[in-house]
Amino acid sequence: MSAQPYLEIQADDPERARAFYTGLLGWRFTAVEGLPVAYWRLEAEGLRGGLLERPAATPPAECGTNAFTCSFEVDDIREAAARVEGLGGRVALPVFAIPDTCWQGYFLDTEGNTFGLFQVDANAR
């Protein structure tokens, strides 16, 4: 059995979400025609996935995460966190140290989806 992950991001406004992830992580998206929903294939090195128009109402922000949360490695966590906000996202849990491992933070994208960013740092405290 293959256990290769496939990431899907749901969005109320797919154009806004594509701009957010392109600006933050440099991802590219290609429209896929002939599906029963609006869908874009995610193009990023080492990652398989897509983005689709949200098929149901967005859960309220105060309900927390009710799905897997993906975290993405970045070179500079503080710079990336600032880019999140500059692109219209929000901080869900400010950057904190996982001692001797990395700096981690959790954010909400422009569609209210939770995701994490981390910067590897053996000296994190």
PDB file of N, CA and C in Angstrom:
ATOM      1  N   MET A   1       0.839  -1.184   0.000  1.00  0.00           N
ATOM      2  CA  MET A   1       0.000   0.000   0.000  1.00  0.00           C
ATOM      3  C   MET A   1       0.877   1.238   0.000  1.00  0.00           C
ATOM      4  N   SER A   2       0.545   2.200  -0.832  1.00  0.00           N
ATOM      5  CA  SER A   2       1.275   3.459  -0.891  1.00  0.00           C
ATOM      6  C   SER A   2       0.758   4.393   0.198  1.00  0.00           C
ATOM      7  N   ALA A   3       1.659   5.049   0.892  1.00  0.00           N
ATOM      8  CA  ALA A   3       1.278   5.999   1.934  1.00  0.00           C
ATOM      9  C   ALA A   3       1.759   7.404   1.592  1.00  0.00           C
ATOM     10  N   GLN A   4       1.893   7.692   0.307  1.00  0.00           N
ATOM     11  CA  GLN A   4       2.340   9.014  -0.115  1.00  0.00           C
ATOM     12  C   GLN A   4       1.243  10.037   0.159  1.00  0.00           C
ATOM     13  N   PRO A   5       1.541  11.105   0.878  1.00  0.00           N
ATOM     14  CA  PRO A   5       0.507  12.098   1.192  1.00  0.00           C
ATOM     15  C   PRO A   5       0.107  12.925  -0.030  1.00  0.00           C
ATOM     16  N   TYR A   6      -1.126  13.375  -0.023  1.00  0.00           N
ATOM     17  CA  TYR A   6      -1.666  14.262  -1.044  1.00  0.00           C
ATOM     18  C   TYR A   6      -2.411  15.352  -0.284  1.00  0.00           C
ATOM     19  N   LEU A   7      -1.971  16.586  -0.420  1.00  0.00           N
ATOM     20  CA  LEU A   7      -2.509  17.723   0.314  1.00  0.00           C
ATOM     21  C   LEU A   7      -3.607  18.402  -0.498  1.00  0.00           C
ATOM     22  N   GLU A   8      -4.752  18.661   0.128  1.00  0.00           N
ATOM     23  CA  GLU A   8      -5.792  19.465  -0.525  1.00  0.00           C
ATOM     24  C   GLU A   8      -6.150  20.625   0.376  1.00  0.00           C
ATOM     25  N   ILE A   9      -6.229  21.795  -0.223  1.00  0.00           N
ATOM     26  CA  ILE A   9      -6.604  23.009   0.483  1.00  0.00           C
ATOM     27  C   ILE A   9      -7.973  23.438  -0.027  1.00  0.00           C
ATOM     28  N   GLN A  10      -8.918  23.624   0.884  1.00  0.00           N
ATOM     29  CA  GLN A  10     -10.232  24.119   0.500  1.00  0.00           C
ATOM     30  C   GLN A  10     -10.249  25.633   0.663  1.00  0.00           C
ATOM     31  N   ALA A  11     -10.956  26.317  -0.246  1.00  0.00           N
ATOM     32  CA  ALA A  11     -10.948  27.782  -0.233  1.00  0.00           C
ATOM     33  C   ALA A  11     -12.317  28.343  -0.586  1.00  0.00           C
ATOM     34  N   ASP A  12     -12.738  29.350   0.156  1.00  0.00           N
ATOM     35  CA  ASP A  12     -13.942  30.093  -0.202  1.00  0.00           C
ATOM     36  C   ASP A  12     -13.682  30.939  -1.439  1.00  0.00           C
ATOM     37  N   ASP A  13     -12.464  31.455  -1.551  1.00  0.00           N
ATOM     38  CA  ASP A  13     -12.054  32.287  -2.681  1.00  0.00           C
ATOM     39  C   ASP A  13     -10.761  31.696  -3.252  1.00  0.00           C
ATOM     40  N   PRO A  14     -10.870  30.745  -4.197  1.00  0.00           N
ATOM     41  CA  PRO A  14      -9.681  30.063  -4.713  1.00  0.00           C
ATOM     42  C   PRO A  14      -8.619  30.994  -5.294  1.00  0.00           C
ATOM     43  N   GLU A  15      -9.031  32.079  -5.936  1.00  0.00           N
ATOM     44  CA  GLU A  15      -8.048  33.007  -6.499  1.00  0.00           C
ATOM     45  C   GLU A  15      -7.222  33.650  -5.390  1.00  0.00           C
ATOM     46  N   ARG A  16      -7.884  34.084  -4.332  1.00  0.00           N
ATOM     47  CA  ARG A  16      -7.198  34.690  -3.192  1.00  0.00           C
ATOM     48  C   ARG A  16      -6.266  33.667  -2.540  1.00  0.00           C
ATOM     49  N   ALA A  17      -6.723  32.422  -2.375  1.00  0.00           N
ATOM     50  CA  ALA A  17      -5.903  31.381  -1.755  1.00  0.00           C
ATOM     51  C   ALA A  17      -4.676  31.046  -2.607  1.00  0.00           C
ATOM     52  N   ARG A  18      -4.858  30.976  -3.922  1.00  0.00           N
ATOM     53  CA  ARG A  18      -3.712  30.699  -4.800  1.00  0.00           C
ATOM     54  C   ARG A  18      -2.684  31.826  -4.690  1.00  0.00           C
ATOM     55  N   ALA A  19      -3.144  33.069  -4.652  1.00  0.00           N
ATOM     56  CA  ALA A  19      -2.225  34.208  -4.520  1.00  0.00           C
ATOM     57  C   ALA A  19      -1.487  34.145  -3.185  1.00  0.00           C
ATOM     58  N   PHE A  20      -2.184  33.743  -2.121  1.00  0.00           N
ATOM     59  CA  PHE A  20      -1.576  33.643  -0.798  1.00  0.00           C
ATOM     60  C   PHE A  20      -0.433  32.620  -0.807  1.00  0.00           C
ATOM     61  N   TYR A  21      -0.684  31.403  -1.275  1.00  0.00           N
ATOM     62  CA  TYR A  21       0.336  30.354  -1.247  1.00  0.00           C
ATOM     63  C   TYR A  21       1.438  30.571  -2.275  1.00  0.00           C
ATOM     64  N   THR A  22       1.110  31.206  -3.380  1.00  0.00           N
ATOM     65  CA  THR A  22       2.157  31.559  -4.343  1.00  0.00           C
ATOM     66  C   THR A  22       3.080  32.605  -3.722  1.00  0.00           C
ATOM     67  N   GLY A  23       2.509  33.620  -3.074  1.00  0.00           N
ATOM     68  CA  GLY A  23       3.306  34.665  -2.436  1.00  0.00           C
ATOM     69  C   GLY A  23       4.106  34.170  -1.251  1.00  0.00           C
ATOM     70  N   LEU A  24       3.539  33.232  -0.476  1.00  0.00           N
ATOM     71  CA  LEU A  24       4.208  32.758   0.733  1.00  0.00           C
ATOM     72  C   LEU A  24       5.246  31.683   0.444  1.00  0.00           C
ATOM     73  N   LEU A  25       4.888  30.680  -0.355  1.00  0.00           N
ATOM     74  CA  LEU A  25       5.754  29.514  -0.548  1.00  0.00           C
ATOM     75  C   LEU A  25       6.211  29.303  -1.984  1.00  0.00           C
ATOM     76  N   GLY A  26       5.802  30.187  -2.895  1.00  0.00           N
ATOM     77  CA  GLY A  26       6.227  30.070  -4.286  1.00  0.00           C
ATOM     78  C   GLY A  26       5.537  28.954  -5.059  1.00  0.00           C
ATOM     79  N   TRP A  27       4.423  28.451  -4.547  1.00  0.00           N
ATOM     80  CA  TRP A  27       3.708  27.378  -5.228  1.00  0.00           C
ATOM     81  C   TRP A  27       3.048  27.882  -6.494  1.00  0.00           C
ATOM     82  N   ARG A  28       2.884  26.969  -7.460  1.00  0.00           N
ATOM     83  CA  ARG A  28       2.146  27.278  -8.697  1.00  0.00           C
ATOM     84  C   ARG A  28       0.927  26.377  -8.752  1.00  0.00           C
ATOM     85  N   PHE A  29      -0.112  26.837  -9.422  1.00  0.00           N
ATOM     86  CA  PHE A  29      -1.358  26.084  -9.534  1.00  0.00           C
ATOM     87  C   PHE A  29      -1.796  26.047 -10.993  1.00  0.00           C
ATOM     88  N   THR A  30      -2.292  24.894 -11.425  1.00  0.00           N
ATOM     89  CA  THR A  30      -2.791  24.715 -12.787  1.00  0.00           C
ATOM     90  C   THR A  30      -4.226  24.223 -12.712  1.00  0.00           C
ATOM     91  N   ALA A  31      -5.133  24.905 -13.406  1.00  0.00           N
ATOM     92  CA  ALA A  31      -6.539  24.501 -13.422  1.00  0.00           C
ATOM     93  C   ALA A  31      -6.690  23.116 -14.037  1.00  0.00           C
ATOM     94  N   VAL A  32      -7.561  22.319 -13.443  1.00  0.00           N
ATOM     95  CA  VAL A  32      -7.890  20.996 -13.960  1.00  0.00           C
ATOM     96  C   VAL A  32      -9.329  21.068 -14.468  1.00  0.00           C
ATOM     97  N   GLU A  33      -9.507  20.819 -15.731  1.00  0.00           N
ATOM     98  CA  GLU A  33     -10.834  20.909 -16.355  1.00  0.00           C
ATOM     99  C   GLU A  33     -11.575  19.579 -16.261  1.00  0.00           C
ATOM    100  N   GLY A  34     -12.896  19.642 -16.393  1.00  0.00           N
ATOM    101  CA  GLY A  34     -13.714  18.442 -16.480  1.00  0.00           C
ATOM    102  C   GLY A  34     -14.089  17.806 -15.160  1.00  0.00           C
ATOM    103  N   LEU A  35     -13.848  18.478 -14.049  1.00  0.00           N
ATOM    104  CA  LEU A  35     -14.225  17.947 -12.741  1.00  0.00           C
ATOM    105  C   LEU A  35     -15.537  18.599 -12.287  1.00  0.00           C
ATOM    106  N   PRO A  36     -16.257  17.956 -11.355  1.00  0.00           N
ATOM    107  CA  PRO A  36     -17.520  18.544 -10.894  1.00  0.00           C
ATOM    108  C   PRO A  36     -17.340  19.736  -9.947  1.00  0.00           C
ATOM    109  N   VAL A  37     -16.091  20.049  -9.565  1.00  0.00           N
ATOM    110  CA  VAL A  37     -15.785  21.218  -8.735  1.00  0.00           C
ATOM    111  C   VAL A  37     -14.623  21.972  -9.358  1.00  0.00           C
ATOM    112  N   ALA A  38     -14.530  23.265  -9.050  1.00  0.00           N
ATOM    113  CA  ALA A  38     -13.361  24.045  -9.490  1.00  0.00           C
ATOM    114  C   ALA A  38     -12.145  23.511  -8.740  1.00  0.00           C
ATOM    115  N   TYR A  39     -11.082  23.142  -9.486  1.00  0.00           N
ATOM    116  CA  TYR A  39      -9.934  22.481  -8.881  1.00  0.00           C
ATOM    117  C   TYR A  39      -8.659  22.903  -9.597  1.00  0.00           C
ATOM    118  N   TRP A  40      -7.595  23.117  -8.806  1.00  0.00           N
ATOM    119  CA  TRP A  40      -6.276  23.470  -9.339  1.00  0.00           C
ATOM    120  C   TRP A  40      -5.256  22.494  -8.784  1.00  0.00           C
ATOM    121  N   ARG A  41      -4.405  21.959  -9.635  1.00  0.00           N
ATOM    122  CA  ARG A  41      -3.318  21.079  -9.207  1.00  0.00           C
ATOM    123  C   ARG A  41      -2.211  21.943  -8.629  1.00  0.00           C
ATOM    124  N   LEU A  42      -1.703  21.538  -7.483  1.00  0.00           N
ATOM    125  CA  LEU A  42      -0.606  22.218  -6.807  1.00  0.00           C
ATOM    126  C   LEU A  42       0.702  21.723  -7.393  1.00  0.00           C
ATOM    127  N   GLU A  43       1.565  22.656  -7.766  1.00  0.00           N
ATOM    128  CA  GLU A  43       2.863  22.316  -8.329  1.00  0.00           C
ATOM    129  C   GLU A  43       3.954  22.888  -7.431  1.00  0.00           C
ATOM    130  N   ALA A  44       4.588  21.972  -6.683  1.00  0.00           N
ATOM    131  CA  ALA A  44       5.672  22.355  -5.776  1.00  0.00           C
ATOM    132  C   ALA A  44       6.597  21.151  -5.647  1.00  0.00           C
ATOM    133  N   GLU A  45       7.890  21.407  -5.610  1.00  0.00           N
ATOM    134  CA  GLU A  45       8.863  20.322  -5.538  1.00  0.00           C
ATOM    135  C   GLU A  45       8.623  19.445  -4.312  1.00  0.00           C
ATOM    136  N   GLY A  46       8.480  18.147  -4.533  1.00  0.00           N
ATOM    137  CA  GLY A  46       8.337  17.196  -3.445  1.00  0.00           C
ATOM    138  C   GLY A  46       6.973  17.162  -2.789  1.00  0.00           C
ATOM    139  N   LEU A  47       5.987  17.822  -3.359  1.00  0.00           N
ATOM    140  CA  LEU A  47       4.665  17.894  -2.743  1.00  0.00           C
ATOM    141  C   LEU A  47       3.607  17.635  -3.794  1.00  0.00           C
ATOM    142  N   ARG A  48       2.653  16.786  -3.465  1.00  0.00           N
ATOM    143  CA  ARG A  48       1.534  16.524  -4.357  1.00  0.00           C
ATOM    144  C   ARG A  48       0.272  17.051  -3.706  1.00  0.00           C
ATOM    145  N   GLY A  49      -0.565  17.727  -4.492  1.00  0.00           N
ATOM    146  CA  GLY A  49      -1.788  18.224  -3.906  1.00  0.00           C
ATOM    147  C   GLY A  49      -2.593  19.080  -4.850  1.00  0.00           C
ATOM    148  N   GLY A  50      -3.594  19.714  -4.283  1.00  0.00           N
ATOM    149  CA  GLY A  50      -4.465  20.561  -5.066  1.00  0.00           C
ATOM    150  C   GLY A  50      -5.201  21.559  -4.195  1.00  0.00           C
ATOM    151  N   LEU A  51      -5.937  22.422  -4.861  1.00  0.00           N
ATOM    152  CA  LEU A  51      -6.744  23.441  -4.200  1.00  0.00           C
ATOM    153  C   LEU A  51      -8.120  23.387  -4.842  1.00  0.00           C
ATOM    154  N   LEU A  52      -9.165  23.406  -4.026  1.00  0.00           N
ATOM    155  CA  LEU A  52     -10.509  23.350  -4.561  1.00  0.00           C
ATOM    156  C   LEU A  52     -11.408  24.357  -3.876  1.00  0.00           C
ATOM    157  N   GLU A  53     -12.464  24.733  -4.579  1.00  0.00           N
ATOM    158  CA  GLU A  53     -13.455  25.621  -3.991  1.00  0.00           C
ATOM    159  C   GLU A  53     -14.153  24.857  -2.876  1.00  0.00           C
ATOM    160  N   ARG A  54     -14.278  25.477  -1.705  1.00  0.00           N
ATOM    161  CA  ARG A  54     -14.850  24.815  -0.529  1.00  0.00           C
ATOM    162  C   ARG A  54     -16.282  24.379  -0.830  1.00  0.00           C
ATOM    163  N   PRO A  55     -16.583  23.080  -0.648  1.00  0.00           N
ATOM    164  CA  PRO A  55     -17.918  22.589  -0.995  1.00  0.00           C
ATOM    165  C   PRO A  55     -18.969  22.777   0.096  1.00  0.00           C
ATOM    166  N   ALA A  56     -18.560  23.217   1.279  1.00  0.00           N
ATOM    167  CA  ALA A  56     -19.500  23.410   2.394  1.00  0.00           C
ATOM    168  C   ALA A  56     -19.066  24.624   3.194  1.00  0.00           C
ATOM    169  N   ALA A  57     -19.865  25.000   4.168  1.00  0.00           N
ATOM    170  CA  ALA A  57     -19.566  26.176   4.992  1.00  0.00           C
ATOM    171  C   ALA A  57     -18.259  25.985   5.760  1.00  0.00           C
ATOM    172  N   THR A  58     -17.537  27.071   5.949  1.00  0.00           N
ATOM    173  CA  THR A  58     -16.302  27.073   6.730  1.00  0.00           C
ATOM    174  C   THR A  58     -16.649  26.879   8.203  1.00  0.00           C
ATOM    175  N   PRO A  59     -15.937  25.984   8.908  1.00  0.00           N
ATOM    176  CA  PRO A  59     -16.175  25.845  10.343  1.00  0.00           C
ATOM    177  C   PRO A  59     -15.846  27.154  11.059  1.00  0.00           C
ATOM    178  N   PRO A  60     -16.538  27.462  12.164  1.00  0.00           N
ATOM    179  CA  PRO A  60     -16.217  28.687  12.902  1.00  0.00           C
ATOM    180  C   PRO A  60     -14.777  28.665  13.412  1.00  0.00           C
ATOM    181  N   ALA A  61     -14.136  29.830  13.415  1.00  0.00           N
ATOM    182  CA  ALA A  61     -12.720  29.929  13.809  1.00  0.00           C
ATOM    183  C   ALA A  61     -12.482  29.407  15.222  1.00  0.00           C
ATOM    184  N   GLU A  62     -13.437  29.595  16.121  1.00  0.00           N
ATOM    185  CA  GLU A  62     -13.224  29.196  17.508  1.00  0.00           C
ATOM    186  C   GLU A  62     -13.332  27.682  17.727  1.00  0.00           C
ATOM    187  N   CYS A  63     -13.670  26.915  16.685  1.00  0.00           N
ATOM    188  CA  CYS A  63     -13.797  25.463  16.871  1.00  0.00           C
ATOM    189  C   CYS A  63     -12.445  24.775  16.835  1.00  0.00           C
ATOM    190  N   GLY A  64     -11.400  25.453  16.411  1.00  0.00           N
ATOM    191  CA  GLY A  64     -10.079  24.841  16.351  1.00  0.00           C
ATOM    192  C   GLY A  64      -9.948  23.927  15.148  1.00  0.00           C
ATOM    193  N   THR A  65      -8.871  23.174  15.109  1.00  0.00           N
ATOM    194  CA  THR A  65      -8.589  22.302  13.976  1.00  0.00           C
ATOM    195  C   THR A  65      -9.340  20.987  14.147  1.00  0.00           C
ATOM    196  N   ASN A  66     -10.003  20.553  13.085  1.00  0.00           N
ATOM    197  CA  ASN A  66     -10.679  19.266  13.127  1.00  0.00           C
ATOM    198  C   ASN A  66     -10.195  18.376  11.988  1.00  0.00           C
ATOM    199  N   ALA A  67      -8.953  18.565  11.586  1.00  0.00           N
ATOM    200  CA  ALA A  67      -8.343  17.797  10.508  1.00  0.00           C
ATOM    201  C   ALA A  67      -6.833  17.785  10.726  1.00  0.00           C
ATOM    202  N   PHE A  68      -6.112  17.110   9.839  1.00  0.00           N
ATOM    203  CA  PHE A  68      -4.659  17.157   9.907  1.00  0.00           C
ATOM    204  C   PHE A  68      -4.181  18.585   9.673  1.00  0.00           C
ATOM    205  N   THR A  69      -3.112  18.956  10.337  1.00  0.00           N
ATOM    206  CA  THR A  69      -2.483  20.239  10.091  1.00  0.00           C
ATOM    207  C   THR A  69      -1.120  19.989   9.471  1.00  0.00           C
ATOM    208  N   CYS A  70      -0.877  20.605   8.338  1.00  0.00           N
ATOM    209  CA  CYS A  70       0.413  20.478   7.658  1.00  0.00           C
ATOM    210  C   CYS A  70       1.310  21.636   8.060  1.00  0.00           C
ATOM    211  N   SER A  71       2.572  21.333   8.305  1.00  0.00           N
ATOM    212  CA  SER A  71       3.567  22.364   8.583  1.00  0.00           C
ATOM    213  C   SER A  71       4.626  22.320   7.493  1.00  0.00           C
ATOM    214  N   PHE A  72       5.115  23.498   7.117  1.00  0.00           N
ATOM    215  CA  PHE A  72       6.065  23.633   6.024  1.00  0.00           C
ATOM    216  C   PHE A  72       7.349  24.275   6.536  1.00  0.00           C
ATOM    217  N   GLU A  73       8.481  23.714   6.149  1.00  0.00           N
ATOM    218  CA  GLU A  73       9.770  24.250   6.559  1.00  0.00           C
ATOM    219  C   GLU A  73      10.090  25.507   5.767  1.00  0.00           C
ATOM    220  N   VAL A  74      10.567  26.530   6.468  1.00  0.00           N
ATOM    221  CA  VAL A  74      10.995  27.784   5.848  1.00  0.00           C
ATOM    222  C   VAL A  74      12.406  28.107   6.331  1.00  0.00           C
ATOM    223  N   ASP A  75      13.078  28.983   5.606  1.00  0.00           N
ATOM    224  CA  ASP A  75      14.440  29.370   5.983  1.00  0.00           C
ATOM    225  C   ASP A  75      14.472  30.362   7.130  1.00  0.00           C
ATOM    226  N   ASP A  76      13.464  31.253   7.202  1.00  0.00           N
ATOM    227  CA  ASP A  76      13.432  32.319   8.206  1.00  0.00           C
ATOM    228  C   ASP A  76      12.002  32.448   8.720  1.00  0.00           C
ATOM    229  N   ILE A  77      11.740  31.890   9.901  1.00  0.00           N
ATOM    230  CA  ILE A  77      10.379  31.845  10.448  1.00  0.00           C
ATOM    231  C   ILE A  77       9.801  33.232  10.702  1.00  0.00           C
ATOM    232  N   ARG A  78      10.621  34.158  11.170  1.00  0.00           N
ATOM    233  CA  ARG A  78      10.106  35.509  11.461  1.00  0.00           C
ATOM    234  C   ARG A  78       9.705  36.220  10.161  1.00  0.00           C
ATOM    235  N   GLU A  79      10.528  36.086   9.142  1.00  0.00           N
ATOM    236  CA  GLU A  79      10.219  36.708   7.852  1.00  0.00           C
ATOM    237  C   GLU A  79       8.976  36.062   7.246  1.00  0.00           C
ATOM    238  N   ALA A  80       8.875  34.743   7.323  1.00  0.00           N
ATOM    239  CA  ALA A  80       7.712  34.042   6.775  1.00  0.00           C
ATOM    240  C   ALA A  80       6.436  34.411   7.531  1.00  0.00           C
ATOM    241  N   ALA A  81       6.523  34.536   8.858  1.00  0.00           N
ATOM    242  CA  ALA A  81       5.352  34.932   9.653  1.00  0.00           C
ATOM    243  C   ALA A  81       4.882  36.331   9.253  1.00  0.00           C
ATOM    244  N   ALA A  82       5.814  37.221   9.016  1.00  0.00           N
ATOM    245  CA  ALA A  82       5.450  38.573   8.566  1.00  0.00           C
ATOM    246  C   ALA A  82       4.794  38.525   7.187  1.00  0.00           C
ATOM    247  N   ARG A  83       5.287  37.644   6.312  1.00  0.00           N
ATOM    248  CA  ARG A  83       4.686  37.496   4.975  1.00  0.00           C
ATOM    249  C   ARG A  83       3.263  36.965   5.077  1.00  0.00           C
ATOM    250  N   VAL A  84       3.018  36.035   6.010  1.00  0.00           N
ATOM    251  CA  VAL A  84       1.666  35.508   6.200  1.00  0.00           C
ATOM    252  C   VAL A  84       0.701  36.673   6.412  1.00  0.00           C
ATOM    253  N   GLU A  85       1.043  37.551   7.356  1.00  0.00           N
ATOM    254  CA  GLU A  85       0.161  38.677   7.662  1.00  0.00           C
ATOM    255  C   GLU A  85       0.092  39.664   6.507  1.00  0.00           C
ATOM    256  N   GLY A  86       1.206  39.903   5.834  1.00  0.00           N
ATOM    257  CA  GLY A  86       1.214  40.809   4.696  1.00  0.00           C
ATOM    258  C   GLY A  86       0.368  40.312   3.532  1.00  0.00           C
ATOM    259  N   LEU A  87       0.201  38.988   3.451  1.00  0.00           N
ATOM    260  CA  LEU A  87      -0.600  38.389   2.378  1.00  0.00           C
ATOM    261  C   LEU A  87      -2.060  38.191   2.785  1.00  0.00           C
ATOM    262  N   GLY A  88      -2.423  38.629   3.990  1.00  0.00           N
ATOM    263  CA  GLY A  88      -3.820  38.546   4.420  1.00  0.00           C
ATOM    264  C   GLY A  88      -4.132  37.404   5.360  1.00  0.00           C
ATOM    265  N   GLY A  89      -3.117  36.629   5.763  1.00  0.00           N
ATOM    266  CA  GLY A  89      -3.330  35.556   6.724  1.00  0.00           C
ATOM    267  C   GLY A  89      -3.257  36.089   8.151  1.00  0.00           C
ATOM    268  N   ARG A  90      -3.446  35.194   9.118  1.00  0.00           N
ATOM    269  CA  ARG A  90      -3.431  35.598  10.529  1.00  0.00           C
ATOM    270  C   ARG A  90      -2.606  34.617  11.356  1.00  0.00           C
ATOM    271  N   VAL A  91      -2.119  35.092  12.485  1.00  0.00           N
ATOM    272  CA  VAL A  91      -1.392  34.242  13.428  1.00  0.00           C
ATOM    273  C   VAL A  91      -2.416  33.496  14.276  1.00  0.00           C
ATOM    274  N   ALA A  92      -2.299  32.164  14.338  1.00  0.00           N
ATOM    275  CA  ALA A  92      -3.155  31.359  15.207  1.00  0.00           C
ATOM    276  C   ALA A  92      -2.445  31.075  16.527  1.00  0.00           C
ATOM    277  N   LEU A  93      -1.149  30.770  16.454  1.00  0.00           N
ATOM    278  CA  LEU A  93      -0.313  30.536  17.635  1.00  0.00           C
ATOM    279  C   LEU A  93       1.056  31.107  17.306  1.00  0.00           C
ATOM    280  N   PRO A  94       1.466  32.166  18.025  1.00  0.00           N
ATOM    281  CA  PRO A  94       2.739  32.821  17.689  1.00  0.00           C
ATOM    282  C   PRO A  94       3.922  31.856  17.716  1.00  0.00           C
ATOM    283  N   VAL A  95       4.972  32.245  17.023  1.00  0.00           N
ATOM    284  CA  VAL A  95       6.192  31.430  16.920  1.00  0.00           C
ATOM    285  C   VAL A  95       6.724  31.117  18.319  1.00  0.00           C
ATOM    286  N   PHE A  96       7.101  29.852  18.522  1.00  0.00           N
ATOM    287  CA  PHE A  96       7.647  29.393  19.795  1.00  0.00           C
ATOM    288  C   PHE A  96       8.773  28.400  19.517  1.00  0.00           C
ATOM    289  N   ALA A  97       9.615  28.178  20.522  1.00  0.00           N
ATOM    290  CA  ALA A  97      10.746  27.257  20.383  1.00  0.00           C
ATOM    291  C   ALA A  97      10.338  25.846  20.768  1.00  0.00           C
ATOM    292  N   ILE A  98      10.737  24.896  19.958  1.00  0.00           N
ATOM    293  CA  ILE A  98      10.759  23.493  20.352  1.00  0.00           C
ATOM    294  C   ILE A  98      12.227  23.249  20.646  1.00  0.00           C
ATOM    295  N   PRO A  99      12.591  23.207  21.941  1.00  0.00           N
ATOM    296  CA  PRO A  99      13.997  23.244  22.339  1.00  0.00           C
ATOM    297  C   PRO A  99      14.889  22.261  21.580  1.00  0.00           C
ATOM    298  N   ASP A 100      16.007  22.811  21.132  1.00  0.00           N
ATOM    299  CA  ASP A 100      17.043  22.045  20.436  1.00  0.00           C
ATOM    300  C   ASP A 100      16.588  21.454  19.102  1.00  0.00           C
ATOM    301  N   THR A 101      15.462  21.932  18.575  1.00  0.00           N
ATOM    302  CA  THR A 101      14.904  21.342  17.357  1.00  0.00           C
ATOM    303  C   THR A 101      14.558  22.391  16.308  1.00  0.00           C
ATOM    304  N   CYS A 102      13.616  23.290  16.652  1.00  0.00           N
ATOM    305  CA  CYS A 102      13.145  24.246  15.652  1.00  0.00           C
ATOM    306  C   CYS A 102      12.323  25.348  16.296  1.00  0.00           C
ATOM    307  N   TRP A 103      11.982  26.341  15.470  1.00  0.00           N
ATOM    308  CA  TRP A 103      11.005  27.371  15.803  1.00  0.00           C
ATOM    309  C   TRP A 103       9.737  27.004  15.049  1.00  0.00           C
ATOM    310  N   GLN A 104       8.565  27.051  15.694  1.00  0.00           N
ATOM    311  CA  GLN A 104       7.300  26.623  15.101  1.00  0.00           C
ATOM    312  C   GLN A 104       6.261  27.713  15.330  1.00  0.00           C
ATOM    313  N   GLY A 105       5.371  27.890  14.370  1.00  0.00           N
ATOM    314  CA  GLY A 105       4.227  28.781  14.526  1.00  0.00           C
ATOM    315  C   GLY A 105       3.060  28.225  13.747  1.00  0.00           C
ATOM    316  N   TYR A 106       1.844  28.604  14.156  1.00  0.00           N
ATOM    317  CA  TYR A 106       0.637  28.180  13.450  1.00  0.00           C
ATOM    318  C   TYR A 106      -0.123  29.406  12.983  1.00  0.00           C
ATOM    319  N   PHE A 107      -0.718  29.281  11.808  1.00  0.00           N
ATOM    320  CA  PHE A 107      -1.330  30.424  11.141  1.00  0.00           C
ATOM    321  C   PHE A 107      -2.643  30.017  10.493  1.00  0.00           C
ATOM    322  N   LEU A 108      -3.423  31.007  10.114  1.00  0.00           N
ATOM    323  CA  LEU A 108      -4.629  30.806   9.321  1.00  0.00           C
ATOM    324  C   LEU A 108      -4.396  31.461   7.975  1.00  0.00           C
ATOM    325  N   ASP A 109      -4.683  30.734   6.894  1.00  0.00           N
ATOM    326  CA  ASP A 109      -4.552  31.339   5.569  1.00  0.00           C
ATOM    327  C   ASP A 109      -5.741  32.260   5.310  1.00  0.00           C
ATOM    328  N   THR A 110      -5.835  32.802   4.126  1.00  0.00           N
ATOM    329  CA  THR A 110      -6.912  33.744   3.806  1.00  0.00           C
ATOM    330  C   THR A 110      -8.281  33.079   3.810  1.00  0.00           C
ATOM    331  N   GLU A 111      -8.316  31.749   3.837  1.00  0.00           N
ATOM    332  CA  GLU A 111      -9.570  30.995   3.811  1.00  0.00           C
ATOM    333  C   GLU A 111      -9.931  30.408   5.174  1.00  0.00           C
ATOM    334  N   GLY A 112      -9.129  30.720   6.201  1.00  0.00           N
ATOM    335  CA  GLY A 112      -9.385  30.215   7.540  1.00  0.00           C
ATOM    336  C   GLY A 112      -8.814  28.836   7.817  1.00  0.00           C
ATOM    337  N   ASN A 113      -7.998  28.301   6.905  1.00  0.00           N
ATOM    338  CA  ASN A 113      -7.366  26.991   7.104  1.00  0.00           C
ATOM    339  C   ASN A 113      -6.122  27.137   7.976  1.00  0.00           C
ATOM    340  N   THR A 114      -5.983  26.258   8.958  1.00  0.00           N
ATOM    341  CA  THR A 114      -4.813  26.251   9.829  1.00  0.00           C
ATOM    342  C   THR A 114      -3.649  25.536   9.152  1.00  0.00           C
ATOM    343  N   PHE A 115      -2.438  26.113   9.275  1.00  0.00           N
ATOM    344  CA  PHE A 115      -1.221  25.462   8.799  1.00  0.00           C
ATOM    345  C   PHE A 115      -0.075  25.922   9.677  1.00  0.00           C
ATOM    346  N   GLY A 116       1.017  25.172   9.641  1.00  0.00           N
ATOM    347  CA  GLY A 116       2.182  25.522  10.437  1.00  0.00           C
ATOM    348  C   GLY A 116       3.366  25.875   9.565  1.00  0.00           C
ATOM    349  N   LEU A 117       4.274  26.638  10.142  1.00  0.00           N
ATOM    350  CA  LEU A 117       5.570  26.929   9.536  1.00  0.00           C
ATOM    351  C   LEU A 117       6.623  26.617  10.596  1.00  0.00           C
ATOM    352  N   PHE A 118       7.771  26.093  10.169  1.00  0.00           N
ATOM    353  CA  PHE A 118       8.848  25.859  11.120  1.00  0.00           C
ATOM    354  C   PHE A 118      10.192  26.134  10.478  1.00  0.00           C
ATOM    355  N   GLN A 119      11.145  26.514  11.338  1.00  0.00           N
ATOM    356  CA  GLN A 119      12.535  26.753  10.934  1.00  0.00           C
ATOM    357  C   GLN A 119      13.411  25.866  11.798  1.00  0.00           C
ATOM    358  N   VAL A 120      14.136  24.958  11.170  1.00  0.00           N
ATOM    359  CA  VAL A 120      15.036  24.066  11.906  1.00  0.00           C
ATOM    360  C   VAL A 120      16.130  24.898  12.560  1.00  0.00           C
ATOM    361  N   ASP A 121      16.362  24.652  13.856  1.00  0.00           N
ATOM    362  CA  ASP A 121      17.399  25.372  14.589  1.00  0.00           C
ATOM    363  C   ASP A 121      17.755  24.562  15.837  1.00  0.00           C
ATOM    364  N   ALA A 122      18.908  23.927  15.806  1.00  0.00           N
ATOM    365  CA  ALA A 122      19.345  23.103  16.934  1.00  0.00           C
ATOM    366  C   ALA A 122      19.570  23.924  18.197  1.00  0.00           C
ATOM    367  N   ASN A 123      19.621  25.255  18.069  1.00  0.00           N
ATOM    368  CA  ASN A 123      19.821  26.134  19.221  1.00  0.00           C
ATOM    369  C   ASN A 123      18.536  26.808  19.690  1.00  0.00           C
ATOM    370  N   ALA A 124      17.401  26.395  19.165  1.00  0.00           N
ATOM    371  CA  ALA A 124      16.125  27.022  19.542  1.00  0.00           C
ATOM    372  C   ALA A 124      15.879  26.850  21.043  1.00  0.00           C
ATOM    373  N   ARG A 125      15.511  27.959  21.665  1.00  0.00           N
ATOM    374  CA  ARG A 125      15.195  27.965  23.110  1.00  0.00           C
ATOM    375  C   ARG A 125      14.152  29.007  23.415  1.00  0.00           C
TER     376      ARG A 125
END
